[in-house]
Amino acid sequence: MTPPNPAVLRAFEAAYDGAGRVTVDLYETKVSGTAFEMTQHWRASPDTVFFDKGRYFVLVKWEQADRGALTAFVRGLQRELAE
């Protein structure tokens, strides 16, 4: 995956199958302000949630996912990302 911005150090994509399909795009930025700026400019779309945590910007997309499992998955990501 190619970083979308020169201020992005690395970008990762992972897919998870289970009670639906979830795809996570994770961007590690040089500074936390860049990740925050990405959340300010990202456009909302159906079946998608995005957030920043420290130097990370995270985009989570899903298809037919169980809402409870999806919520737990996103909260787990937020907890695990280091500041």
PDB file of N, CA and C in Angstrom:
ATOM      1  N   MET A   1       0.847  -1.168   0.000  1.00  0.00           N
ATOM      2  CA  MET A   1       0.000   0.000   0.000  1.00  0.00           C
ATOM      3  C   MET A   1       0.894   1.233   0.000  1.00  0.00           C
ATOM      4  N   THR A   2       0.624   2.183  -0.872  1.00  0.00           N
ATOM      5  CA  THR A   2       1.413   3.398  -0.989  1.00  0.00           C
ATOM      6  C   THR A   2       0.867   4.466  -0.059  1.00  0.00           C
ATOM      7  N   PRO A   3       1.704   5.084   0.772  1.00  0.00           N
ATOM      8  CA  PRO A   3       1.232   6.155   1.636  1.00  0.00           C
ATOM      9  C   PRO A   3       0.629   7.299   0.805  1.00  0.00           C
ATOM     10  N   PRO A   4      -0.499   7.870   1.261  1.00  0.00           N
ATOM     11  CA  PRO A   4      -1.191   8.900   0.508  1.00  0.00           C
ATOM     12  C   PRO A   4      -0.600  10.296   0.653  1.00  0.00           C
ATOM     13  N   ASN A   5       0.422  10.435   1.461  1.00  0.00           N
ATOM     14  CA  ASN A   5       0.902  11.748   1.844  1.00  0.00           C
ATOM     15  C   ASN A   5       2.386  11.619   2.203  1.00  0.00           C
ATOM     16  N   PRO A   6       3.230  12.582   1.822  1.00  0.00           N
ATOM     17  CA  PRO A   6       4.652  12.469   2.162  1.00  0.00           C
ATOM     18  C   PRO A   6       4.922  12.500   3.671  1.00  0.00           C
ATOM     19  N   ALA A   7       3.960  12.966   4.458  1.00  0.00           N
ATOM     20  CA  ALA A   7       4.121  12.991   5.905  1.00  0.00           C
ATOM     21  C   ALA A   7       3.774  11.642   6.536  1.00  0.00           C
ATOM     22  N   VAL A   8       3.391  10.658   5.715  1.00  0.00           N
ATOM     23  CA  VAL A   8       3.066   9.316   6.195  1.00  0.00           C
ATOM     24  C   VAL A   8       4.307   8.442   6.063  1.00  0.00           C
ATOM     25  N   LEU A   9       4.711   7.839   7.169  1.00  0.00           N
ATOM     26  CA  LEU A   9       5.892   6.969   7.176  1.00  0.00           C
ATOM     27  C   LEU A   9       5.594   5.600   6.565  1.00  0.00           C
ATOM     28  N   ARG A  10       4.503   5.001   7.024  1.00  0.00           N
ATOM     29  CA  ARG A  10       4.144   3.661   6.564  1.00  0.00           C
ATOM     30  C   ARG A  10       2.626   3.539   6.483  1.00  0.00           C
ATOM     31  N   ALA A  11       2.188   2.624   5.621  1.00  0.00           N
ATOM     32  CA  ALA A  11       0.763   2.336   5.501  1.00  0.00           C
ATOM     33  C   ALA A  11       0.586   0.823   5.454  1.00  0.00           C
ATOM     34  N   PHE A  12      -0.454   0.350   6.119  1.00  0.00           N
ATOM     35  CA  PHE A  12      -0.737  -1.078   6.185  1.00  0.00           C
ATOM     36  C   PHE A  12      -2.211  -1.309   5.859  1.00  0.00           C
ATOM     37  N   GLU A  13      -2.511  -2.469   5.321  1.00  0.00           N
ATOM     38  CA  GLU A  13      -3.899  -2.863   5.117  1.00  0.00           C
ATOM     39  C   GLU A  13      -4.044  -4.302   5.577  1.00  0.00           C
ATOM     40  N   ALA A  14      -5.129  -4.564   6.298  1.00  0.00           N
ATOM     41  CA  ALA A  14      -5.408  -5.921   6.764  1.00  0.00           C
ATOM     42  C   ALA A  14      -6.895  -6.194   6.608  1.00  0.00           C
ATOM     43  N   ALA A  15      -7.234  -7.429   6.288  1.00  0.00           N
ATOM     44  CA  ALA A  15      -8.633  -7.828   6.150  1.00  0.00           C
ATOM     45  C   ALA A  15      -8.934  -8.927   7.154  1.00  0.00           C
ATOM     46  N   TYR A  16     -10.110  -8.870   7.729  1.00  0.00           N
ATOM     47  CA  TYR A  16     -10.546  -9.840   8.719  1.00  0.00           C
ATOM     48  C   TYR A  16     -11.896 -10.389   8.276  1.00  0.00           C
ATOM     49  N   ASP A  17     -12.044 -11.708   8.286  1.00  0.00           N
ATOM     50  CA  ASP A  17     -13.303 -12.361   7.963  1.00  0.00           C
ATOM     51  C   ASP A  17     -13.815 -13.063   9.199  1.00  0.00           C
ATOM     52  N   GLY A  18     -15.099 -13.025   9.372  1.00  0.00           N
ATOM     53  CA  GLY A  18     -15.739 -13.679  10.509  1.00  0.00           C
ATOM     54  C   GLY A  18     -17.217 -13.423  10.362  1.00  0.00           C
ATOM     55  N   ALA A  19     -17.793 -12.732  11.321  1.00  0.00           N
ATOM     56  CA  ALA A  19     -19.201 -12.313  11.231  1.00  0.00           C
ATOM     57  C   ALA A  19     -19.251 -11.079  10.340  1.00  0.00           C
ATOM     58  N   GLY A  20     -18.963 -11.259   9.059  1.00  0.00           N
ATOM     59  CA  GLY A  20     -18.842 -10.156   8.116  1.00  0.00           C
ATOM     60  C   GLY A  20     -17.392 -10.004   7.697  1.00  0.00           C
ATOM     61  N   ARG A  21     -17.133  -8.970   6.946  1.00  0.00           N
ATOM     62  CA  ARG A  21     -15.761  -8.702   6.485  1.00  0.00           C
ATOM     63  C   ARG A  21     -15.372  -7.292   6.915  1.00  0.00           C
ATOM     64  N   VAL A  22     -14.194  -7.167   7.511  1.00  0.00           N
ATOM     65  CA  VAL A  22     -13.677  -5.879   7.981  1.00  0.00           C
ATOM     66  C   VAL A  22     -12.306  -5.667   7.341  1.00  0.00           C
ATOM     67  N   THR A  23     -12.097  -4.467   6.810  1.00  0.00           N
ATOM     68  CA  THR A  23     -10.797  -4.088   6.256  1.00  0.00           C
ATOM     69  C   THR A  23     -10.293  -2.882   7.033  1.00  0.00           C
ATOM     70  N   VAL A  24      -9.032  -2.928   7.436  1.00  0.00           N
ATOM     71  CA  VAL A  24      -8.413  -1.833   8.185  1.00  0.00           C
ATOM     72  C   VAL A  24      -7.245  -1.281   7.382  1.00  0.00           C
ATOM     73  N   ASP A  25      -7.262   0.027   7.163  1.00  0.00           N
ATOM     74  CA  ASP A  25      -6.121   0.746   6.590  1.00  0.00           C
ATOM     75  C   ASP A  25      -5.526   1.574   7.716  1.00  0.00           C
ATOM     76  N   LEU A  26      -4.253   1.366   8.006  1.00  0.00           N
ATOM     77  CA  LEU A  26      -3.584   2.055   9.112  1.00  0.00           C
ATOM     78  C   LEU A  26      -2.418   2.851   8.539  1.00  0.00           C
ATOM     79  N   TYR A  27      -2.361   4.117   8.864  1.00  0.00           N
ATOM     80  CA  TYR A  27      -1.299   5.000   8.391  1.00  0.00           C
ATOM     81  C   TYR A  27      -0.517   5.511   9.594  1.00  0.00           C
ATOM     82  N   GLU A  28       0.796   5.318   9.575  1.00  0.00           N
ATOM     83  CA  GLU A  28       1.663   5.865  10.617  1.00  0.00           C
ATOM     84  C   GLU A  28       2.284   7.148  10.067  1.00  0.00           C
ATOM     85  N   THR A  29       2.025   8.253  10.740  1.00  0.00           N
ATOM     86  CA  THR A  29       2.503   9.550  10.277  1.00  0.00           C
ATOM     87  C   THR A  29       3.725   9.992  11.062  1.00  0.00           C
ATOM     88  N   LYS A  30       4.408  10.992  10.536  1.00  0.00           N
ATOM     89  CA  LYS A  30       5.613  11.499  11.209  1.00  0.00           C
ATOM     90  C   LYS A  30       5.272  12.209  12.520  1.00  0.00           C
ATOM     91  N   VAL A  31       4.146  12.920  12.540  1.00  0.00           N
ATOM     92  CA  VAL A  31       3.719  13.639  13.745  1.00  0.00           C
ATOM     93  C   VAL A  31       2.217  13.458  13.937  1.00  0.00           C
ATOM     94  N   SER A  32       1.760  13.577  15.180  1.00  0.00           N
ATOM     95  CA  SER A  32       0.341  13.366  15.477  1.00  0.00           C
ATOM     96  C   SER A  32      -0.556  14.389  14.785  1.00  0.00           C
ATOM     97  N   GLY A  33      -0.052  15.582  14.541  1.00  0.00           N
ATOM     98  CA  GLY A  33      -0.853  16.604  13.868  1.00  0.00           C
ATOM     99  C   GLY A  33      -1.273  16.178  12.468  1.00  0.00           C
ATOM    100  N   THR A  34      -0.440  15.406  11.804  1.00  0.00           N
ATOM    101  CA  THR A  34      -0.784  14.924  10.460  1.00  0.00           C
ATOM    102  C   THR A  34      -1.943  13.939  10.527  1.00  0.00           C
ATOM    103  N   ALA A  35      -1.899  13.018  11.491  1.00  0.00           N
ATOM    104  CA  ALA A  35      -2.993  12.055  11.652  1.00  0.00           C
ATOM    105  C   ALA A  35      -4.292  12.791  11.969  1.00  0.00           C
ATOM    106  N   PHE A  36      -4.227  13.782  12.837  1.00  0.00           N
ATOM    107  CA  PHE A  36      -5.411  14.573  13.166  1.00  0.00           C
ATOM    108  C   PHE A  36      -5.936  15.302  11.930  1.00  0.00           C
ATOM    109  N   GLU A  37      -5.040  15.871  11.159  1.00  0.00           N
ATOM    110  CA  GLU A  37      -5.437  16.577   9.939  1.00  0.00           C
ATOM    111  C   GLU A  37      -6.124  15.630   8.950  1.00  0.00           C
ATOM    112  N   MET A  38      -5.651  14.399   8.883  1.00  0.00           N
ATOM    113  CA  MET A  38      -6.285  13.422   7.989  1.00  0.00           C
ATOM    114  C   MET A  38      -7.735  13.181   8.395  1.00  0.00           C
ATOM    115  N   THR A  39      -8.014  13.136   9.700  1.00  0.00           N
ATOM    116  CA  THR A  39      -9.409  12.951  10.136  1.00  0.00           C
ATOM    117  C   THR A  39     -10.257  14.162   9.784  1.00  0.00           C
ATOM    118  N   GLN A  40      -9.661  15.337   9.771  1.00  0.00           N
ATOM    119  CA  GLN A  40     -10.400  16.551   9.439  1.00  0.00           C
ATOM    120  C   GLN A  40     -10.788  16.610   7.967  1.00  0.00           C
ATOM    121  N   HIS A  41      -9.993  15.984   7.106  1.00  0.00           N
ATOM    122  CA  HIS A  41     -10.221  16.077   5.660  1.00  0.00           C
ATOM    123  C   HIS A  41     -10.830  14.816   5.046  1.00  0.00           C
ATOM    124  N   TRP A  42     -10.891  13.725   5.814  1.00  0.00           N
ATOM    125  CA  TRP A  42     -11.430  12.484   5.265  1.00  0.00           C
ATOM    126  C   TRP A  42     -12.940  12.612   5.138  1.00  0.00           C
ATOM    127  N   ARG A  43     -13.496  12.127   4.061  1.00  0.00           N
ATOM    128  CA  ARG A  43     -14.942  12.195   3.849  1.00  0.00           C
ATOM    129  C   ARG A  43     -15.613  10.939   4.387  1.00  0.00           C
ATOM    130  N   ALA A  44     -16.661  11.159   5.146  1.00  0.00           N
ATOM    131  CA  ALA A  44     -17.426  10.038   5.685  1.00  0.00           C
ATOM    132  C   ALA A  44     -18.111   9.288   4.547  1.00  0.00           C
ATOM    133  N   SER A  45     -18.254   7.979   4.726  1.00  0.00           N
ATOM    134  CA  SER A  45     -18.961   7.157   3.750  1.00  0.00           C
ATOM    135  C   SER A  45     -19.653   6.013   4.496  1.00  0.00           C
ATOM    136  N   PRO A  46     -20.658   5.399   3.868  1.00  0.00           N
ATOM    137  CA  PRO A  46     -21.384   4.316   4.538  1.00  0.00           C
ATOM    138  C   PRO A  46     -20.462   3.157   4.909  1.00  0.00           C
ATOM    139  N   ASP A  47     -20.782   2.504   6.016  1.00  0.00           N
ATOM    140  CA  ASP A  47     -20.055   1.319   6.481  1.00  0.00           C
ATOM    141  C   ASP A  47     -18.567   1.574   6.658  1.00  0.00           C
ATOM    142  N   THR A  48     -18.248   2.756   7.154  1.00  0.00           N
ATOM    143  CA  THR A  48     -16.855   3.164   7.352  1.00  0.00           C
ATOM    144  C   THR A  48     -16.764   4.011   8.620  1.00  0.00           C
ATOM    145  N   VAL A  49     -15.699   3.805   9.363  1.00  0.00           N
ATOM    146  CA  VAL A  49     -15.386   4.671  10.499  1.00  0.00           C
ATOM    147  C   VAL A  49     -13.894   4.963  10.431  1.00  0.00           C
ATOM    148  N   PHE A  50     -13.515   6.166  10.851  1.00  0.00           N
ATOM    149  CA  PHE A  50     -12.095   6.515  10.867  1.00  0.00           C
ATOM    150  C   PHE A  50     -11.810   7.323  12.113  1.00  0.00           C
ATOM    151  N   PHE A  51     -10.541   7.245  12.560  1.00  0.00           N
ATOM    152  CA  PHE A  51     -10.126   7.969  13.758  1.00  0.00           C
ATOM    153  C   PHE A  51      -8.617   8.134  13.737  1.00  0.00           C
ATOM    154  N   ASP A  52      -8.145   9.037  14.594  1.00  0.00           N
ATOM    155  CA  ASP A  52      -6.701   9.182  14.778  1.00  0.00           C
ATOM    156  C   ASP A  52      -6.381   8.879  16.230  1.00  0.00           C
ATOM    157  N   LYS A  53      -5.194   8.352  16.436  1.00  0.00           N
ATOM    158  CA  LYS A  53      -4.701   8.087  17.793  1.00  0.00           C
ATOM    159  C   LYS A  53      -3.207   8.310  17.760  1.00  0.00           C
ATOM    160  N   GLY A  54      -2.764   9.387  18.396  1.00  0.00           N
ATOM    161  CA  GLY A  54      -1.348   9.718  18.349  1.00  0.00           C
ATOM    162  C   GLY A  54      -0.912   9.964  16.916  1.00  0.00           C
ATOM    163  N   ARG A  55       0.089   9.243  16.465  1.00  0.00           N
ATOM    164  CA  ARG A  55       0.614   9.404  15.102  1.00  0.00           C
ATOM    165  C   ARG A  55      -0.099   8.513  14.085  1.00  0.00           C
ATOM    166  N   TYR A  56      -1.161   7.832  14.483  1.00  0.00           N
ATOM    167  CA  TYR A  56      -1.842   6.898  13.602  1.00  0.00           C
ATOM    168  C   TYR A  56      -3.196   7.434  13.121  1.00  0.00           C
ATOM    169  N   PHE A  57      -3.474   7.192  11.847  1.00  0.00           N
ATOM    170  CA  PHE A  57      -4.795   7.432  11.271  1.00  0.00           C
ATOM    171  C   PHE A  57      -5.301   6.063  10.843  1.00  0.00           C
ATOM    172  N   VAL A  58      -6.531   5.740  11.228  1.00  0.00           N
ATOM    173  CA  VAL A  58      -7.090   4.415  10.979  1.00  0.00           C
ATOM    174  C   VAL A  58      -8.427   4.542  10.260  1.00  0.00           C
ATOM    175  N   LEU A  59      -8.587   3.752   9.220  1.00  0.00           N
ATOM    176  CA  LEU A  59      -9.817   3.693   8.448  1.00  0.00           C
ATOM    177  C   LEU A  59     -10.323   2.255   8.515  1.00  0.00           C
ATOM    178  N   VAL A  60     -11.544   2.066   9.013  1.00  0.00           N
ATOM    179  CA  VAL A  60     -12.136   0.735   9.143  1.00  0.00           C
ATOM    180  C   VAL A  60     -13.376   0.676   8.246  1.00  0.00           C
ATOM    181  N   LYS A  61     -13.389  -0.280   7.319  1.00  0.00           N
ATOM    182  CA  LYS A  61     -14.530  -0.480   6.417  1.00  0.00           C
ATOM    183  C   LYS A  61     -15.081  -1.877   6.656  1.00  0.00           C
ATOM    184  N   TRP A  62     -16.397  -2.029   6.537  1.00  0.00           N
ATOM    185  CA  TRP A  62     -16.984  -3.336   6.780  1.00  0.00           C
ATOM    186  C   TRP A  62     -18.122  -3.644   5.811  1.00  0.00           C
ATOM    187  N   GLU A  63     -18.381  -4.944   5.701  1.00  0.00           N
ATOM    188  CA  GLU A  63     -19.510  -5.466   4.927  1.00  0.00           C
ATOM    189  C   GLU A  63     -20.243  -6.466   5.804  1.00  0.00           C
ATOM    190  N   GLN A  64     -21.491  -6.236   6.060  1.00  0.00           N
ATOM    191  CA  GLN A  64     -22.356  -7.153   6.799  1.00  0.00           C
ATOM    192  C   GLN A  64     -21.755  -7.609   8.125  1.00  0.00           C
ATOM    193  N   ALA A  65     -21.120  -6.729   8.829  1.00  0.00           N
ATOM    194  CA  ALA A  65     -20.497  -7.089  10.103  1.00  0.00           C
ATOM    195  C   ALA A  65     -21.500  -6.939  11.243  1.00  0.00           C
ATOM    196  N   ASP A  66     -21.359  -7.778  12.236  1.00  0.00           N
ATOM    197  CA  ASP A  66     -22.146  -7.681  13.447  1.00  0.00           C
ATOM    198  C   ASP A  66     -21.751  -6.403  14.181  1.00  0.00           C
ATOM    199  N   ARG A  67     -22.719  -5.562  14.502  1.00  0.00           N
ATOM    200  CA  ARG A  67     -22.413  -4.246  15.113  1.00  0.00           C
ATOM    201  C   ARG A  67     -21.680  -4.368  16.441  1.00  0.00           C
ATOM    202  N   GLY A  68     -22.080  -5.298  17.279  1.00  0.00           N
ATOM    203  CA  GLY A  68     -21.410  -5.466  18.567  1.00  0.00           C
ATOM    204  C   GLY A  68     -19.961  -5.884  18.402  1.00  0.00           C
ATOM    205  N   ALA A  69     -19.733  -6.846  17.516  1.00  0.00           N
ATOM    206  CA  ALA A  69     -18.365  -7.304  17.259  1.00  0.00           C
ATOM    207  C   ALA A  69     -17.536  -6.200  16.622  1.00  0.00           C
ATOM    208  N   LEU A  70     -18.140  -5.438  15.733  1.00  0.00           N
ATOM    209  CA  LEU A  70     -17.439  -4.339  15.076  1.00  0.00           C
ATOM    210  C   LEU A  70     -17.037  -3.261  16.081  1.00  0.00           C
ATOM    211  N   THR A  71     -17.958  -2.917  16.966  1.00  0.00           N
ATOM    212  CA  THR A  71     -17.664  -1.913  17.999  1.00  0.00           C
ATOM    213  C   THR A  71     -16.514  -2.384  18.886  1.00  0.00           C
ATOM    214  N   ALA A  72     -16.550  -3.640  19.291  1.00  0.00           N
ATOM    215  CA  ALA A  72     -15.476  -4.181  20.128  1.00  0.00           C
ATOM    216  C   ALA A  72     -14.147  -4.187  19.372  1.00  0.00           C
ATOM    217  N   PHE A  73     -14.187  -4.507  18.088  1.00  0.00           N
ATOM    218  CA  PHE A  73     -12.984  -4.519  17.260  1.00  0.00           C
ATOM    219  C   PHE A  73     -12.358  -3.127  17.184  1.00  0.00           C
ATOM    220  N   VAL A  74     -13.171  -2.117  16.903  1.00  0.00           N
ATOM    221  CA  VAL A  74     -12.663  -0.742  16.780  1.00  0.00           C
ATOM    222  C   VAL A  74     -12.128  -0.253  18.123  1.00  0.00           C
ATOM    223  N   ARG A  75     -12.838  -0.514  19.203  1.00  0.00           N
ATOM    224  CA  ARG A  75     -12.351  -0.102  20.529  1.00  0.00           C
ATOM    225  C   ARG A  75     -11.035  -0.788  20.876  1.00  0.00           C
ATOM    226  N   GLY A  76     -10.900  -2.049  20.489  1.00  0.00           N
ATOM    227  CA  GLY A  76      -9.651  -2.764  20.714  1.00  0.00           C
ATOM    228  C   GLY A  76      -8.496  -2.139  19.948  1.00  0.00           C
ATOM    229  N   LEU A  77      -8.747  -1.746  18.702  1.00  0.00           N
ATOM    230  CA  LEU A  77      -7.714  -1.053  17.918  1.00  0.00           C
ATOM    231  C   LEU A  77      -7.294   0.242  18.600  1.00  0.00           C
ATOM    232  N   GLN A  78      -8.274   0.994  19.056  1.00  0.00           N
ATOM    233  CA  GLN A  78      -7.972   2.280  19.709  1.00  0.00           C
ATOM    234  C   GLN A  78      -7.127   2.066  20.961  1.00  0.00           C
ATOM    235  N   ARG A  79      -7.417   1.037  21.728  1.00  0.00           N
ATOM    236  CA  ARG A  79      -6.640   0.754  22.947  1.00  0.00           C
ATOM    237  C   ARG A  79      -5.216   0.323  22.625  1.00  0.00           C
ATOM    238  N   GLU A  80      -5.054  -0.473  21.590  1.00  0.00           N
ATOM    239  CA  GLU A  80      -3.750  -1.065  21.284  1.00  0.00           C
ATOM    240  C   GLU A  80      -2.746  -0.123  20.627  1.00  0.00           C
ATOM    241  N   LEU A  81      -3.236   0.907  19.988  1.00  0.00           N
ATOM    242  CA  LEU A  81      -2.303   1.825  19.305  1.00  0.00           C
ATOM    243  C   LEU A  81      -1.562   2.677  20.324  1.00  0.00           C
ATOM    244  N   ALA A  82      -0.268   2.650  20.245  1.00  0.00           N
ATOM    245  CA  ALA A  82       0.568   3.437  21.174  1.00  0.00           C
ATOM    246  C   ALA A  82       0.516   4.897  20.788  1.00  0.00           C
ATOM    247  N   GLU A  83       0.605   5.728  21.758  1.00  0.00           N
ATOM    248  CA  GLU A  83       0.651   7.188  21.518  1.00  0.00           C
ATOM    249  C   GLU A  83       1.968   7.570  20.924  1.00  0.00           C
TER     250      GLU A  83
END
